[in-house]
Amino acid sequence: MLQPPPKPQRKSVNTSIDSQLINDAKALGINISRAAEEGIAKAIAAEKTRRWQAENKEAIESSNEYVRRNGLPLAKHRLF
């Protein structure tokens, strides 16, 4: 039988958040901890993407230049 994935370990932290945002979130029934967690996860993903693109800038530019000069490889086999 498959085991359910382990629950992520949680850690309490202190943070300061605009009081109006807290009031609005509570009024709308938004789980502030989960919303903050989702926002942090999105910020992490965006920063990882930005760093990967910066680290691979030369290769990306080289590939794009190849396509500009020669077209897409195997383009004649595309069905669209």
Protein backbone atom coordinates (compact mmCIF):
# COMPACT_ATOMS: atom_id res chain seq x y z
CA MET A 1 0.00 0.00 0.00
CA LEU A 2 1.27 3.51 -0.82
CA GLN A 3 2.32 5.69 2.07
CA PRO A 4 1.03 9.27 2.09
CA PRO A 5 3.77 11.84 1.62
CA PRO A 6 5.15 13.16 4.91
CA LYS A 7 3.71 16.46 6.08
CA PRO A 8 6.14 19.35 5.78
CA GLN A 9 7.79 20.32 9.04
CA ARG A 10 6.52 23.68 10.17
CA LYS A 11 8.46 26.38 11.99
CA SER A 12 7.04 29.39 13.80
CA VAL A 13 8.53 32.75 12.81
CA ASN A 14 7.93 36.34 13.77
CA THR A 15 7.16 38.75 10.96
CA SER A 16 5.68 42.19 10.48
CA ILE A 17 2.85 42.57 7.99
CA ASP A 18 0.79 45.64 7.11
CA SER A 19 -2.10 45.69 9.60
CA GLN A 20 -4.66 46.50 6.90
CA LEU A 21 -3.61 43.40 4.98
CA ILE A 22 -4.09 41.32 8.14
CA ASN A 23 -7.54 42.83 8.74
CA ASP A 24 -8.62 42.27 5.13
CA ALA A 25 -7.33 38.69 5.12
CA LYS A 26 -9.15 37.87 8.35
CA ALA A 27 -12.37 39.46 7.06
CA LEU A 28 -12.15 37.32 3.93
CA GLY A 29 -11.33 34.13 5.82
CA ILE A 30 -7.87 33.83 4.28
CA ASN A 31 -5.39 31.65 6.15
CA ILE A 32 -2.57 34.13 6.64
CA SER A 33 0.11 31.50 7.28
CA ARG A 34 -0.79 29.56 4.14
CA ALA A 35 -1.02 32.73 2.05
CA ALA A 36 2.41 33.84 3.30
CA GLU A 37 3.82 30.38 2.60
CA GLU A 38 2.48 30.46 -0.97
CA GLY A 39 3.90 33.94 -1.50
CA ILE A 40 7.31 32.90 -0.22
CA ALA A 41 7.25 29.80 -2.43
CA LYS A 42 6.46 31.96 -5.48
CA ALA A 43 9.24 34.42 -4.58
CA ILE A 44 11.71 31.53 -4.24
CA ALA A 45 10.68 30.07 -7.62
CA ALA A 46 10.98 33.49 -9.29
CA GLU A 47 14.44 34.09 -7.82
CA LYS A 48 15.64 30.61 -8.82
CA THR A 49 14.39 31.26 -12.36
CA ARG A 50 16.10 34.66 -12.48
CA ARG A 51 19.39 33.19 -11.27
CA TRP A 52 19.23 30.26 -13.72
CA GLN A 53 18.58 32.65 -16.59
CA ALA A 54 21.50 34.87 -15.51
CA GLU A 55 23.83 31.89 -15.16
CA ASN A 56 22.82 30.55 -18.58
CA LYS A 57 22.50 33.87 -20.40
CA GLU A 58 25.31 33.16 -22.88
CA ALA A 59 23.95 29.74 -23.84
CA ILE A 60 20.42 31.10 -24.24
CA GLU A 61 21.62 33.98 -26.41
CA SER A 62 23.75 31.61 -28.48
CA SER A 63 20.81 29.28 -29.05
CA ASN A 64 18.51 32.16 -29.96
CA GLU A 65 21.09 33.51 -32.41
CA TYR A 66 21.41 30.07 -34.03
CA VAL A 67 17.63 29.91 -34.52
CA ARG A 68 17.59 33.47 -35.94
CA ARG A 69 20.27 32.56 -38.48
CA ASN A 70 19.21 28.99 -39.32
CA GLY A 71 15.61 28.58 -38.26
CA LEU A 72 14.36 25.88 -35.94
CA PRO A 73 16.07 22.50 -36.24
CA LEU A 74 13.69 19.90 -37.70
CA ALA A 75 11.17 22.64 -38.60
CA LYS A 76 10.28 20.77 -41.80
CA HIS A 77 8.88 17.94 -39.64
CA ARG A 78 6.51 20.15 -37.65
CA LEU A 79 2.80 19.43 -38.10
CA PHE A 80 1.68 22.98 -37.24
